[in-house]
Amino acid sequence: MKYVIVLAVVFLLLSSMMGRASKKGKLNEQANKAVTGLANAMRYLVYALMIVMAIALVIFTYHEFM
């Protein structure tokens, strides 16, 4: 579980760094599109991981107390 959390934090940091680089105009047009797409994909992956972890927590809590 801690590996998933570490992976999520690393993905969030990388996606925010890539987003900043593309917004500051340091990249050319093709690289800007690629970085933006990759940052969005990483963000969606982290959100999906958080949703799966929340569902697992709800299921665990339900089975623990019922």
N, C-alpha and C. Protein backbone atom coordinates (compact mmCIF):
# COMPACT_ATOMS: atom_id res chain seq x y z
N MET A 1 0.82 -1.18 0.00
CA MET A 1 0.00 0.00 0.00
C MET A 1 0.87 1.25 0.00
N LYS A 2 1.97 1.19 0.75
CA LYS A 2 2.82 2.37 0.78
C LYS A 2 3.50 2.61 -0.56
N TYR A 3 3.71 1.56 -1.34
CA TYR A 3 4.29 1.74 -2.67
C TYR A 3 3.32 2.46 -3.60
N VAL A 4 2.04 2.17 -3.44
CA VAL A 4 1.03 2.85 -4.25
C VAL A 4 0.98 4.33 -3.89
N ILE A 5 1.06 4.64 -2.62
CA ILE A 5 1.04 6.03 -2.18
C ILE A 5 2.28 6.77 -2.68
N VAL A 6 3.44 6.14 -2.58
CA VAL A 6 4.67 6.76 -3.07
C VAL A 6 4.60 6.97 -4.58
N LEU A 7 4.09 5.99 -5.29
CA LEU A 7 3.93 6.11 -6.74
C LEU A 7 2.99 7.25 -7.09
N ALA A 8 1.89 7.38 -6.36
CA ALA A 8 0.94 8.45 -6.62
C ALA A 8 1.57 9.81 -6.37
N VAL A 9 2.33 9.95 -5.30
CA VAL A 9 2.98 11.23 -4.99
C VAL A 9 4.01 11.57 -6.06
N VAL A 10 4.78 10.60 -6.48
CA VAL A 10 5.78 10.84 -7.53
C VAL A 10 5.10 11.26 -8.83
N PHE A 11 4.00 10.58 -9.19
CA PHE A 11 3.27 10.95 -10.40
C PHE A 11 2.71 12.35 -10.31
N LEU A 12 2.17 12.72 -9.14
CA LEU A 12 1.64 14.07 -8.99
C LEU A 12 2.74 15.12 -9.12
N LEU A 13 3.88 14.86 -8.51
CA LEU A 13 4.99 15.81 -8.61
C LEU A 13 5.48 15.95 -10.05
N LEU A 14 5.64 14.81 -10.73
CA LEU A 14 6.10 14.87 -12.12
C LEU A 14 5.10 15.56 -13.03
N SER A 15 3.82 15.28 -12.83
CA SER A 15 2.82 15.91 -13.69
C SER A 15 2.74 17.41 -13.44
N SER A 16 2.91 17.83 -12.19
CA SER A 16 2.89 19.27 -11.92
C SER A 16 4.13 19.95 -12.48
N MET A 17 5.27 19.29 -12.43
CA MET A 17 6.49 19.86 -13.00
C MET A 17 6.37 19.98 -14.52
N MET A 18 5.80 18.95 -15.16
CA MET A 18 5.64 19.00 -16.61
C MET A 18 4.62 20.06 -17.00
N GLY A 19 3.57 20.21 -16.19
CA GLY A 19 2.57 21.24 -16.46
C GLY A 19 3.17 22.64 -16.36
N ARG A 20 4.02 22.85 -15.39
CA ARG A 20 4.68 24.16 -15.25
C ARG A 20 5.60 24.45 -16.42
N ALA A 21 6.33 23.44 -16.86
CA ALA A 21 7.25 23.64 -17.98
C ALA A 21 6.49 23.98 -19.26
N SER A 22 5.36 23.35 -19.46
CA SER A 22 4.60 23.62 -20.68
C SER A 22 3.91 24.98 -20.61
N LYS A 23 3.53 25.43 -19.42
CA LYS A 23 2.85 26.72 -19.29
C LYS A 23 3.82 27.89 -19.40
N LYS A 24 5.07 27.68 -19.05
CA LYS A 24 6.04 28.77 -19.11
C LYS A 24 6.57 28.99 -20.53
N GLY A 25 6.21 28.13 -21.45
CA GLY A 25 6.63 28.32 -22.83
C GLY A 25 8.07 27.93 -23.09
N LYS A 26 8.62 27.04 -22.27
CA LYS A 26 10.00 26.62 -22.46
C LYS A 26 10.14 25.53 -23.51
N LEU A 27 9.02 25.01 -23.98
CA LEU A 27 9.06 23.90 -24.93
C LEU A 27 8.51 24.34 -26.28
N ASN A 28 8.92 23.63 -27.32
CA ASN A 28 8.33 23.94 -28.62
C ASN A 28 6.93 23.34 -28.70
N GLU A 29 6.23 23.55 -29.81
CA GLU A 29 4.82 23.18 -29.90
C GLU A 29 4.59 21.67 -29.78
N GLN A 30 5.40 20.87 -30.46
CA GLN A 30 5.22 19.42 -30.40
C GLN A 30 5.52 18.87 -29.01
N ALA A 31 6.59 19.35 -28.41
CA ALA A 31 6.94 18.89 -27.07
C ALA A 31 5.90 19.35 -26.06
N ASN A 32 5.34 20.54 -26.27
CA ASN A 32 4.31 21.05 -25.38
C ASN A 32 3.08 20.15 -25.41
N LYS A 33 2.66 19.71 -26.59
CA LYS A 33 1.51 18.81 -26.71
C LYS A 33 1.80 17.47 -26.04
N ALA A 34 3.00 16.95 -26.25
CA ALA A 34 3.36 15.66 -25.67
C ALA A 34 3.39 15.73 -24.15
N VAL A 35 3.99 16.78 -23.62
CA VAL A 35 4.10 16.93 -22.17
C VAL A 35 2.73 17.13 -21.55
N THR A 36 1.89 17.92 -22.20
CA THR A 36 0.55 18.14 -21.68
C THR A 36 -0.26 16.84 -21.66
N GLY A 37 -0.16 16.06 -22.72
CA GLY A 37 -0.86 14.78 -22.76
C GLY A 37 -0.36 13.82 -21.72
N LEU A 38 0.94 13.75 -21.54
CA LEU A 38 1.50 12.85 -20.53
C LEU A 38 1.12 13.29 -19.13
N ALA A 39 1.15 14.59 -18.87
CA ALA A 39 0.77 15.09 -17.55
C ALA A 39 -0.69 14.78 -17.26
N ASN A 40 -1.55 14.94 -18.24
CA ASN A 40 -2.97 14.63 -18.04
C ASN A 40 -3.16 13.14 -17.79
N ALA A 41 -2.48 12.30 -18.53
CA ALA A 41 -2.59 10.85 -18.34
C ALA A 41 -2.12 10.44 -16.95
N MET A 42 -1.04 11.04 -16.48
CA MET A 42 -0.54 10.73 -15.15
C MET A 42 -1.53 11.19 -14.08
N ARG A 43 -2.11 12.37 -14.28
CA ARG A 43 -3.10 12.87 -13.35
C ARG A 43 -4.31 11.94 -13.27
N TYR A 44 -4.80 11.48 -14.43
CA TYR A 44 -5.94 10.57 -14.45
C TYR A 44 -5.60 9.25 -13.76
N LEU A 45 -4.38 8.77 -13.94
CA LEU A 45 -3.95 7.54 -13.28
C LEU A 45 -3.95 7.70 -11.77
N VAL A 46 -3.47 8.83 -11.29
CA VAL A 46 -3.44 9.08 -9.85
C VAL A 46 -4.87 9.17 -9.31
N TYR A 47 -5.75 9.86 -10.03
CA TYR A 47 -7.14 9.95 -9.59
C TYR A 47 -7.79 8.57 -9.55
N ALA A 48 -7.50 7.74 -10.53
CA ALA A 48 -8.05 6.38 -10.56
C ALA A 48 -7.52 5.57 -9.38
N LEU A 49 -6.24 5.71 -9.07
CA LEU A 49 -5.66 5.02 -7.92
C LEU A 49 -6.33 5.46 -6.62
N MET A 50 -6.59 6.75 -6.49
CA MET A 50 -7.24 7.25 -5.29
C MET A 50 -8.66 6.72 -5.16
N ILE A 51 -9.37 6.62 -6.28
CA ILE A 51 -10.73 6.08 -6.25
C ILE A 51 -10.71 4.61 -5.86
N VAL A 52 -9.78 3.84 -6.43
CA VAL A 52 -9.67 2.42 -6.10
C VAL A 52 -9.32 2.24 -4.62
N MET A 53 -8.43 3.08 -4.11
CA MET A 53 -8.06 2.99 -2.70
C MET A 53 -9.25 3.34 -1.81
N ALA A 54 -10.05 4.32 -2.19
CA ALA A 54 -11.23 4.69 -1.41
C ALA A 54 -12.25 3.56 -1.41
N ILE A 55 -12.46 2.92 -2.56
CA ILE A 55 -13.39 1.80 -2.64
C ILE A 55 -12.90 0.64 -1.77
N ALA A 56 -11.60 0.36 -1.83
CA ALA A 56 -11.03 -0.70 -1.00
C ALA A 56 -11.20 -0.38 0.48
N LEU A 57 -11.03 0.87 0.85
CA LEU A 57 -11.21 1.27 2.25
C LEU A 57 -12.65 1.09 2.70
N VAL A 58 -13.59 1.45 1.84
CA VAL A 58 -15.00 1.28 2.19
C VAL A 58 -15.34 -0.20 2.34
N ILE A 59 -14.85 -1.03 1.42
CA ILE A 59 -15.12 -2.47 1.50
C ILE A 59 -14.49 -3.06 2.76
N PHE A 60 -13.27 -2.69 3.05
CA PHE A 60 -12.60 -3.19 4.24
C PHE A 60 -13.35 -2.77 5.50
N THR A 61 -13.76 -1.51 5.56
CA THR A 61 -14.49 -1.03 6.73
C THR A 61 -15.82 -1.74 6.89
N TYR A 62 -16.50 -1.98 5.77
CA TYR A 62 -17.79 -2.68 5.81
C TYR A 62 -17.61 -4.10 6.36
N HIS A 63 -16.61 -4.81 5.87
CA HIS A 63 -16.39 -6.19 6.32
C HIS A 63 -15.87 -6.25 7.74
N GLU A 64 -15.18 -5.23 8.17
CA GLU A 64 -14.62 -5.22 9.53
C GLU A 64 -15.72 -5.03 10.57
N PHE A 65 -16.70 -4.20 10.28
CA PHE A 65 -17.72 -3.87 11.28
C PHE A 65 -19.04 -4.59 11.08
N MET A 66 -19.20 -5.38 10.03
CA MET A 66 -20.46 -6.11 9.83
C MET A 66 -20.29 -7.56 10.13
